[in-house]
PDB file of N, CA and C in Angstrom:
ATOM      1  N   MET A   1      13.090 -17.839  -0.649  1.00  0.00           N
ATOM      2  CA  MET A   1      11.779 -17.839  -0.034  1.00  0.00           C
ATOM      3  C   MET A   1      11.298 -16.405   0.127  1.00  0.00           C
ATOM      4  N   PHE A   2      10.016 -16.196  -0.011  1.00  0.00           N
ATOM      5  CA  PHE A   2       9.400 -14.877   0.093  1.00  0.00           C
ATOM      6  C   PHE A   2       9.513 -14.360   1.520  1.00  0.00           C
ATOM      7  N   ASP A   3      10.014 -13.142   1.686  1.00  0.00           N
ATOM      8  CA  ASP A   3      10.168 -12.518   2.999  1.00  0.00           C
ATOM      9  C   ASP A   3       9.174 -11.365   3.110  1.00  0.00           C
ATOM     10  N   LEU A   4       8.045 -11.616   3.789  1.00  0.00           N
ATOM     11  CA  LEU A   4       6.981 -10.621   3.909  1.00  0.00           C
ATOM     12  C   LEU A   4       7.479  -9.335   4.559  1.00  0.00           C
ATOM     13  N   ASP A   5       8.254  -9.445   5.642  1.00  0.00           N
ATOM     14  CA  ASP A   5       8.732  -8.240   6.328  1.00  0.00           C
ATOM     15  C   ASP A   5       9.600  -7.386   5.420  1.00  0.00           C
ATOM     16  N   ALA A   6      10.476  -8.011   4.647  1.00  0.00           N
ATOM     17  CA  ALA A   6      11.340  -7.250   3.740  1.00  0.00           C
ATOM     18  C   ALA A   6      10.511  -6.566   2.659  1.00  0.00           C
ATOM     19  N   THR A   7       9.507  -7.255   2.149  1.00  0.00           N
ATOM     20  CA  THR A   7       8.644  -6.660   1.129  1.00  0.00           C
ATOM     21  C   THR A   7       7.860  -5.491   1.703  1.00  0.00           C
ATOM     22  N   LEU A   8       7.303  -5.656   2.903  1.00  0.00           N
ATOM     23  CA  LEU A   8       6.555  -4.571   3.532  1.00  0.00           C
ATOM     24  C   LEU A   8       7.449  -3.373   3.799  1.00  0.00           C
ATOM     25  N   ASP A   9       8.674  -3.619   4.276  1.00  0.00           N
ATOM     26  CA  ASP A   9       9.602  -2.514   4.520  1.00  0.00           C
ATOM     27  C   ASP A   9       9.942  -1.796   3.228  1.00  0.00           C
ATOM     28  N   LEU A  10      10.180  -2.540   2.167  1.00  0.00           N
ATOM     29  CA  LEU A  10      10.520  -1.940   0.883  1.00  0.00           C
ATOM     30  C   LEU A  10       9.361  -1.109   0.345  1.00  0.00           C
ATOM     31  N   LEU A  11       8.151  -1.644   0.416  1.00  0.00           N
ATOM     32  CA  LEU A  11       6.997  -0.939  -0.117  1.00  0.00           C
ATOM     33  C   LEU A  11       6.585   0.247   0.740  1.00  0.00           C
ATOM     34  N   ASP A  12       6.942   0.243   2.031  1.00  0.00           N
ATOM     35  CA  ASP A  12       6.603   1.357   2.914  1.00  0.00           C
ATOM     36  C   ASP A  12       7.659   2.443   2.937  1.00  0.00           C
ATOM     37  N   THR A  13       8.791   2.225   2.269  1.00  0.00           N
ATOM     38  CA  THR A  13       9.842   3.227   2.253  1.00  0.00           C
ATOM     39  C   THR A  13       9.380   4.418   1.432  1.00  0.00           C
ATOM     40  N   PRO A  14       9.399   5.604   2.031  1.00  0.00           N
ATOM     41  CA  PRO A  14       8.914   6.762   1.281  1.00  0.00           C
ATOM     42  C   PRO A  14       9.845   7.141   0.148  1.00  0.00           C
ATOM     43  N   ALA A  15       9.264   7.516  -0.955  1.00  0.00           N
ATOM     44  CA  ALA A  15      10.053   8.057  -2.058  1.00  0.00           C
ATOM     45  C   ALA A  15      10.465   9.470  -1.675  1.00  0.00           C
ATOM     46  N   LEU A  16      11.504   9.981  -2.281  1.00  0.00           N
ATOM     47  CA  LEU A  16      11.897  11.356  -2.008  1.00  0.00           C
ATOM     48  C   LEU A  16      10.803  12.283  -2.515  1.00  0.00           C
ATOM     49  N   PRO A  17      10.325  13.181  -1.662  1.00  0.00           N
ATOM     50  CA  PRO A  17       9.249  14.062  -2.114  1.00  0.00           C
ATOM     51  C   PRO A  17       9.733  15.053  -3.151  1.00  0.00           C
ATOM     52  N   GLU A  18       8.875  15.354  -4.109  1.00  0.00           N
ATOM     53  CA  GLU A  18       9.194  16.380  -5.089  1.00  0.00           C
ATOM     54  C   GLU A  18       9.008  17.728  -4.413  1.00  0.00           C
ATOM     55  N   GLU A  19       9.420  18.792  -5.077  1.00  0.00           N
ATOM     56  CA  GLU A  19       9.373  20.113  -4.465  1.00  0.00           C
ATOM     57  C   GLU A  19       7.997  20.466  -3.917  1.00  0.00           C
ATOM     58  N   ASP A  20       6.960  20.193  -4.682  1.00  0.00           N
ATOM     59  CA  ASP A  20       5.624  20.587  -4.251  1.00  0.00           C
ATOM     60  C   ASP A  20       4.827  19.437  -3.642  1.00  0.00           C
ATOM     61  N   ALA A  21       5.480  18.302  -3.402  1.00  0.00           N
ATOM     62  CA  ALA A  21       4.783  17.143  -2.851  1.00  0.00           C
ATOM     63  C   ALA A  21       4.610  17.293  -1.340  1.00  0.00           C
ATOM     64  N   VAL A  22       3.564  16.689  -0.836  1.00  0.00           N
ATOM     65  CA  VAL A  22       3.350  16.675   0.603  1.00  0.00           C
ATOM     66  C   VAL A  22       4.360  15.718   1.209  1.00  0.00           C
ATOM     67  N   VAL A  23       4.964  16.116   2.304  1.00  0.00           N
ATOM     68  CA  VAL A  23       5.965  15.272   2.959  1.00  0.00           C
ATOM     69  C   VAL A  23       5.284  14.031   3.513  1.00  0.00           C
ATOM     70  N   TRP A  24       5.966  12.903   3.413  1.00  0.00           N
ATOM     71  CA  TRP A  24       5.465  11.614   3.875  1.00  0.00           C
ATOM     72  C   TRP A  24       5.132  11.670   5.355  1.00  0.00           C
ATOM     73  N   ALA A  25       3.974  11.189   5.708  1.00  0.00           N
ATOM     74  CA  ALA A  25       3.537  11.197   7.102  1.00  0.00           C
ATOM     75  C   ALA A  25       3.754   9.820   7.715  1.00  0.00           C
ATOM     76  N   PRO A  26       4.401   9.748   8.896  1.00  0.00           N
ATOM     77  CA  PRO A  26       4.648   8.450   9.528  1.00  0.00           C
ATOM     78  C   PRO A  26       3.385   7.639   9.791  1.00  0.00           C
ATOM     79  N   ARG A  27       2.233   8.302  10.008  1.00  0.00           N
ATOM     80  CA  ARG A  27       1.006   7.549  10.281  1.00  0.00           C
ATOM     81  C   ARG A  27       0.610   6.676   9.099  1.00  0.00           C
ATOM     82  N   ASP A  28       1.042   7.049   7.898  1.00  0.00           N
ATOM     83  CA  ASP A  28       0.712   6.268   6.711  1.00  0.00           C
ATOM     84  C   ASP A  28       1.347   4.888   6.731  1.00  0.00           C
ATOM     85  N   ARG A  29       2.417   4.738   7.483  1.00  0.00           N
ATOM     86  CA  ARG A  29       3.112   3.456   7.505  1.00  0.00           C
ATOM     87  C   ARG A  29       2.203   2.335   8.000  1.00  0.00           C
ATOM     88  N   GLY A  30       1.477   2.576   9.082  1.00  0.00           N
ATOM     89  CA  GLY A  30       0.560   1.565   9.608  1.00  0.00           C
ATOM     90  C   GLY A  30      -0.550   1.235   8.628  1.00  0.00           C
ATOM     91  N   HIS A  31      -1.030   2.252   7.938  1.00  0.00           N
ATOM     92  CA  HIS A  31      -2.076   2.040   6.941  1.00  0.00           C
ATOM     93  C   HIS A  31      -1.537   1.192   5.784  1.00  0.00           C
ATOM     94  N   GLY A  32      -0.355   1.531   5.304  1.00  0.00           N
ATOM     95  CA  GLY A  32       0.244   0.793   4.196  1.00  0.00           C
ATOM     96  C   GLY A  32       0.532  -0.653   4.548  1.00  0.00           C
ATOM     97  N   ARG A  33       1.076  -0.861   5.741  1.00  0.00           N
ATOM     98  CA  ARG A  33       1.372  -2.225   6.181  1.00  0.00           C
ATOM     99  C   ARG A  33       0.087  -3.045   6.299  1.00  0.00           C
ATOM    100  N   ALA A  34      -0.956  -2.430   6.851  1.00  0.00           N
ATOM    101  CA  ALA A  34      -2.234  -3.137   6.997  1.00  0.00           C
ATOM    102  C   ALA A  34      -2.797  -3.521   5.630  1.00  0.00           C
ATOM    103  N   ALA A  35      -2.716  -2.603   4.678  1.00  0.00           N
ATOM    104  CA  ALA A  35      -3.246  -2.880   3.340  1.00  0.00           C
ATOM    105  C   ALA A  35      -2.454  -3.970   2.633  1.00  0.00           C
ATOM    106  N   LEU A  36      -1.134  -3.919   2.742  1.00  0.00           N
ATOM    107  CA  LEU A  36      -0.318  -4.943   2.081  1.00  0.00           C
ATOM    108  C   LEU A  36      -0.549  -6.320   2.692  1.00  0.00           C
ATOM    109  N   ALA A  37      -0.615  -6.381   4.012  1.00  0.00           N
ATOM    110  CA  ALA A  37      -0.868  -7.663   4.669  1.00  0.00           C
ATOM    111  C   ALA A  37      -2.241  -8.205   4.267  1.00  0.00           C
ATOM    112  N   ALA A  38      -3.247  -7.328   4.220  1.00  0.00           N
ATOM    113  CA  ALA A  38      -4.597  -7.756   3.828  1.00  0.00           C
ATOM    114  C   ALA A  38      -4.630  -8.230   2.378  1.00  0.00           C
ATOM    115  N   ALA A  39      -3.915  -7.536   1.503  1.00  0.00           N
ATOM    116  CA  ALA A  39      -3.883  -7.935   0.089  1.00  0.00           C
ATOM    117  C   ALA A  39      -3.298  -9.330  -0.067  1.00  0.00           C
ATOM    118  N   LEU A  40      -2.209  -9.590   0.640  1.00  0.00           N
ATOM    119  CA  LEU A  40      -1.580 -10.909   0.560  1.00  0.00           C
ATOM    120  C   LEU A  40      -2.469 -11.968   1.207  1.00  0.00           C
ATOM    121  N   ASP A  41      -3.122 -11.623   2.324  1.00  0.00           N
ATOM    122  CA  ASP A  41      -4.050 -12.557   2.973  1.00  0.00           C
ATOM    123  C   ASP A  41      -5.253 -12.869   2.088  1.00  0.00           C
ATOM    124  N   ASP A  42      -5.676 -11.882   1.300  1.00  0.00           N
ATOM    125  CA  ASP A  42      -6.845 -12.062   0.433  1.00  0.00           C
ATOM    126  C   ASP A  42      -6.514 -12.751  -0.887  1.00  0.00           C
ATOM    127  N   GLY A  43      -5.257 -13.137  -1.078  1.00  0.00           N
ATOM    128  CA  GLY A  43      -4.920 -13.955  -2.237  1.00  0.00           C
ATOM    129  C   GLY A  43      -4.110 -13.309  -3.336  1.00  0.00           C
ATOM    130  N   LEU A  44      -3.830 -12.017  -3.235  1.00  0.00           N
ATOM    131  CA  LEU A  44      -2.956 -11.416  -4.248  1.00  0.00           C
ATOM    132  C   LEU A  44      -1.519 -11.872  -3.999  1.00  0.00           C
ATOM    133  N   LEU A  45      -0.800 -12.131  -5.052  1.00  0.00           N
ATOM    134  CA  LEU A  45       0.611 -12.488  -4.940  1.00  0.00           C
ATOM    135  C   LEU A  45       1.440 -11.217  -4.849  1.00  0.00           C
ATOM    136  N   SER A  46       2.616 -11.315  -4.242  1.00  0.00           N
ATOM    137  CA  SER A  46       3.466 -10.125  -4.099  1.00  0.00           C
ATOM    138  C   SER A  46       3.808  -9.529  -5.461  1.00  0.00           C
ATOM    139  N   GLU A  47       3.974 -10.374  -6.480  1.00  0.00           N
ATOM    140  CA  GLU A  47       4.268  -9.885  -7.828  1.00  0.00           C
ATOM    141  C   GLU A  47       3.086  -9.099  -8.393  1.00  0.00           C
ATOM    142  N   GLU A  48       1.866  -9.555  -8.087  1.00  0.00           N
ATOM    143  CA  GLU A  48       0.671  -8.851  -8.546  1.00  0.00           C
ATOM    144  C   GLU A  48       0.536  -7.498  -7.852  1.00  0.00           C
ATOM    145  N   VAL A  49       0.818  -7.475  -6.555  1.00  0.00           N
ATOM    146  CA  VAL A  49       0.772  -6.215  -5.804  1.00  0.00           C
ATOM    147  C   VAL A  49       1.808  -5.247  -6.369  1.00  0.00           C
ATOM    148  N   ASP A  50       3.012  -5.745  -6.638  1.00  0.00           N
ATOM    149  CA  ASP A  50       4.059  -4.896  -7.226  1.00  0.00           C
ATOM    150  C   ASP A  50       3.602  -4.302  -8.556  1.00  0.00           C
ATOM    151  N   ALA A  51       2.957  -5.113  -9.388  1.00  0.00           N
ATOM    152  CA  ALA A  51       2.482  -4.631 -10.693  1.00  0.00           C
ATOM    153  C   ALA A  51       1.384  -3.582 -10.528  1.00  0.00           C
ATOM    154  N   ILE A  52       0.488  -3.798  -9.575  1.00  0.00           N
ATOM    155  CA  ILE A  52      -0.591  -2.839  -9.323  1.00  0.00           C
ATOM    156  C   ILE A  52      -0.021  -1.513  -8.828  1.00  0.00           C
ATOM    157  N   LEU A  53       0.944  -1.583  -7.922  1.00  0.00           N
ATOM    158  CA  LEU A  53       1.503  -0.361  -7.339  1.00  0.00           C
ATOM    159  C   LEU A  53       2.433   0.370  -8.305  1.00  0.00           C
ATOM    160  N   ALA A  54       3.031  -0.343  -9.233  1.00  0.00           N
ATOM    161  CA  ALA A  54       3.904   0.262 -10.256  1.00  0.00           C
ATOM    162  C   ALA A  54       4.952   1.202  -9.652  1.00  0.00           C
ATOM    163  N   GLY A  55       5.625   0.731  -8.605  1.00  0.00           N
ATOM    164  CA  GLY A  55       6.705   1.513  -7.999  1.00  0.00           C
ATOM    165  C   GLY A  55       6.264   2.524  -6.956  1.00  0.00           C
ATOM    166  N   ARG A  56       4.964   2.645  -6.736  1.00  0.00           N
ATOM    167  CA  ARG A  56       4.463   3.587  -5.730  1.00  0.00           C
ATOM    168  C   ARG A  56       4.261   2.870  -4.407  1.00  0.00           C
ATOM    169  N   ARG A  57       4.235   3.642  -3.316  1.00  0.00           N
ATOM    170  CA  ARG A  57       3.820   3.076  -2.034  1.00  0.00           C
ATOM    171  C   ARG A  57       2.311   2.900  -2.093  1.00  0.00           C
ATOM    172  N   VAL A  58       1.795   1.994  -1.298  1.00  0.00           N
ATOM    173  CA  VAL A  58       0.362   1.707  -1.341  1.00  0.00           C
ATOM    174  C   VAL A  58      -0.458   2.953  -0.999  1.00  0.00           C
ATOM    175  N   VAL A  59       0.033   3.784  -0.073  1.00  0.00           N
ATOM    176  CA  VAL A  59      -0.717   4.990   0.303  1.00  0.00           C
ATOM    177  C   VAL A  59      -0.631   6.076  -0.760  1.00  0.00           C
ATOM    178  N   GLU A  60       0.304   5.959  -1.680  1.00  0.00           N
ATOM    179  CA  GLU A  60       0.361   6.876  -2.824  1.00  0.00           C
ATOM    180  C   GLU A  60      -0.626   6.432  -3.902  1.00  0.00           C
ATOM    181  N   ALA A  61      -0.694   5.136  -4.118  1.00  0.00           N
ATOM    182  CA  ALA A  61      -1.599   4.596  -5.135  1.00  0.00           C
ATOM    183  C   ALA A  61      -3.059   4.708  -4.696  1.00  0.00           C
ATOM    184  N   PHE A  62      -3.295   4.518  -3.404  1.00  0.00           N
ATOM    185  CA  PHE A  62      -4.642   4.556  -2.835  1.00  0.00           C
ATOM    186  C   PHE A  62      -4.587   5.418  -1.579  1.00  0.00           C
ATOM    187  N   PRO A  63      -4.749   6.728  -1.730  1.00  0.00           N
ATOM    188  CA  PRO A  63      -4.575   7.645  -0.595  1.00  0.00           C
ATOM    189  C   PRO A  63      -5.499   7.347   0.590  1.00  0.00           C
ATOM    190  N   VAL A  64      -4.951   7.584   1.775  1.00  0.00           N
ATOM    191  CA  VAL A  64      -5.704   7.420   3.019  1.00  0.00           C
ATOM    192  C   VAL A  64      -6.691   8.581   3.141  1.00  0.00           C
ATOM    193  N   ARG A  65      -7.925   8.255   3.474  1.00  0.00           N
ATOM    194  CA  ARG A  65      -8.938   9.288   3.684  1.00  0.00           C
ATOM    195  C   ARG A  65      -8.845   9.799   5.115  1.00  0.00           C
ATOM    196  N   ARG A  66      -9.201  11.046   5.298  1.00  0.00           N
ATOM    197  CA  ARG A  66      -9.139  11.673   6.623  1.00  0.00           C
ATOM    198  C   ARG A  66      -9.929  10.841   7.634  1.00  0.00           C
ATOM    199  N   GLY A  67      -9.283  10.524   8.765  1.00  0.00           N
ATOM    200  CA  GLY A  67      -9.927   9.785   9.841  1.00  0.00           C
ATOM    201  C   GLY A  67     -10.056   8.290   9.616  1.00  0.00           C
ATOM    202  N   GLU A  68      -9.527   7.783   8.518  1.00  0.00           N
ATOM    203  CA  GLU A  68      -9.657   6.359   8.193  1.00  0.00           C
ATOM    204  C   GLU A  68      -8.693   5.541   9.044  1.00  0.00           C
ATOM    205  N   THR A  69      -9.202   4.527   9.713  1.00  0.00           N
ATOM    206  CA  THR A  69      -8.363   3.660  10.534  1.00  0.00           C
ATOM    207  C   THR A  69      -7.598   2.695   9.631  1.00  0.00           C
ATOM    208  N   PRO A  70      -6.475   2.138  10.118  1.00  0.00           N
ATOM    209  CA  PRO A  70      -5.749   1.163   9.292  1.00  0.00           C
ATOM    210  C   PRO A  70      -6.608  -0.015   8.824  1.00  0.00           C
ATOM    211  N   PRO A  71      -7.442  -0.631   9.695  1.00  0.00           N
ATOM    212  CA  PRO A  71      -8.270  -1.739   9.189  1.00  0.00           C
ATOM    213  C   PRO A  71      -9.280  -1.304   8.119  1.00  0.00           C
ATOM    214  N   ALA A  72      -9.897  -0.139   8.309  1.00  0.00           N
ATOM    215  CA  ALA A  72     -10.856   0.351   7.310  1.00  0.00           C
ATOM    216  C   ALA A  72     -10.139   0.683   6.006  1.00  0.00           C
ATOM    217  N   TYR A  73      -8.966   1.289   6.120  1.00  0.00           N
ATOM    218  CA  TYR A  73      -8.178   1.608   4.931  1.00  0.00           C
ATOM    219  C   TYR A  73      -7.781   0.332   4.206  1.00  0.00           C
ATOM    220  N   ALA A  74      -7.338  -0.677   4.960  1.00  0.00           N
ATOM    221  CA  ALA A  74      -6.900  -1.932   4.348  1.00  0.00           C
ATOM    222  C   ALA A  74      -8.028  -2.558   3.538  1.00  0.00           C
ATOM    223  N   THR A  75      -9.230  -2.572   4.091  1.00  0.00           N
ATOM    224  CA  THR A  75     -10.382  -3.143   3.386  1.00  0.00           C
ATOM    225  C   THR A  75     -10.639  -2.406   2.079  1.00  0.00           C
ATOM    226  N   ARG A  76     -10.657  -1.081   2.143  1.00  0.00           N
ATOM    227  CA  ARG A  76     -10.926  -0.281   0.939  1.00  0.00           C
ATOM    228  C   ARG A  76      -9.793  -0.386  -0.073  1.00  0.00           C
ATOM    229  N   ALA A  77      -8.547  -0.304   0.408  1.00  0.00           N
ATOM    230  CA  ALA A  77      -7.403  -0.349  -0.503  1.00  0.00           C
ATOM    231  C   ALA A  77      -7.322  -1.693  -1.225  1.00  0.00           C
ATOM    232  N   VAL A  78      -7.591  -2.781  -0.517  1.00  0.00           N
ATOM    233  CA  VAL A  78      -7.556  -4.101  -1.161  1.00  0.00           C
ATOM    234  C   VAL A  78      -8.660  -4.203  -2.208  1.00  0.00           C
ATOM    235  N   ALA A  79      -9.832  -3.674  -1.913  1.00  0.00           N
ATOM    236  CA  ALA A  79     -10.910  -3.683  -2.910  1.00  0.00           C
ATOM    237  C   ALA A  79     -10.490  -2.901  -4.154  1.00  0.00           C
ATOM    238  N   GLU A  80      -9.839  -1.759  -3.948  1.00  0.00           N
ATOM    239  CA  GLU A  80      -9.370  -0.965  -5.084  1.00  0.00           C
ATOM    240  C   GLU A  80      -8.233  -1.672  -5.825  1.00  0.00           C
ATOM    241  N   MET A  81      -7.369  -2.392  -5.087  1.00  0.00           N
ATOM    242  CA  MET A  81      -6.299  -3.165  -5.736  1.00  0.00           C
ATOM    243  C   MET A  81      -6.889  -4.262  -6.606  1.00  0.00           C
ATOM    244  N   MET A  82      -7.902  -4.958  -6.081  1.00  0.00           N
ATOM    245  CA  MET A  82      -8.544  -6.033  -6.848  1.00  0.00           C
ATOM    246  C   MET A  82      -9.169  -5.471  -8.125  1.00  0.00           C
ATOM    247  N   ALA A  83      -9.824  -4.317  -8.016  1.00  0.00           N
ATOM    248  CA  ALA A  83     -10.427  -3.691  -9.198  1.00  0.00           C
ATOM    249  C   ALA A  83      -9.348  -3.307 -10.204  1.00  0.00           C
ATOM    250  N   ALA A  84      -8.232  -2.758  -9.714  1.00  0.00           N
ATOM    251  CA  ALA A  84      -7.124  -2.384 -10.603  1.00  0.00           C
ATOM    252  C   ALA A  84      -6.514  -3.625 -11.256  1.00  0.00           C
ATOM    253  N   TYR A  85      -6.427  -4.711 -10.510  1.00  0.00           N
ATOM    254  CA  TYR A  85      -5.863  -5.958 -11.030  1.00  0.00           C
ATOM    255  C   TYR A  85      -6.719  -6.508 -12.170  1.00  0.00           C
ATOM    256  N   LEU A  86      -8.031  -6.374 -12.048  1.00  0.00           N
ATOM    257  CA  LEU A  86      -8.938  -6.922 -13.058  1.00  0.00           C
ATOM    258  C   LEU A  86      -9.004  -6.091 -14.334  1.00  0.00           C
ATOM    259  N   ARG A  87      -8.518  -4.860 -14.283  1.00  0.00           N
ATOM    260  CA  ARG A  87      -8.546  -3.999 -15.483  1.00  0.00           C
ATOM    261  C   ARG A  87      -7.531  -4.418 -16.485  1.00  0.00           C
TER     262      ARG A  87
END
């Protein structure tokens, strides 16, 4: 059976930063979780989300804009995921 919490934890796990990469910010976790939950609520399957993200965290694929709240980010990120899915 699909375990949403395990999937969210896996997708929110930061990748090891490269030498010149910005270090993962803990605030991104809430944004990523909100976007993933919204994507699944809006009808994307976990397999489709995995394909769209291609191994990246959601905040890496769709960066958080300065001052963006988790709900606002989730709305925008899901719209961008849907557009990416249709390509």
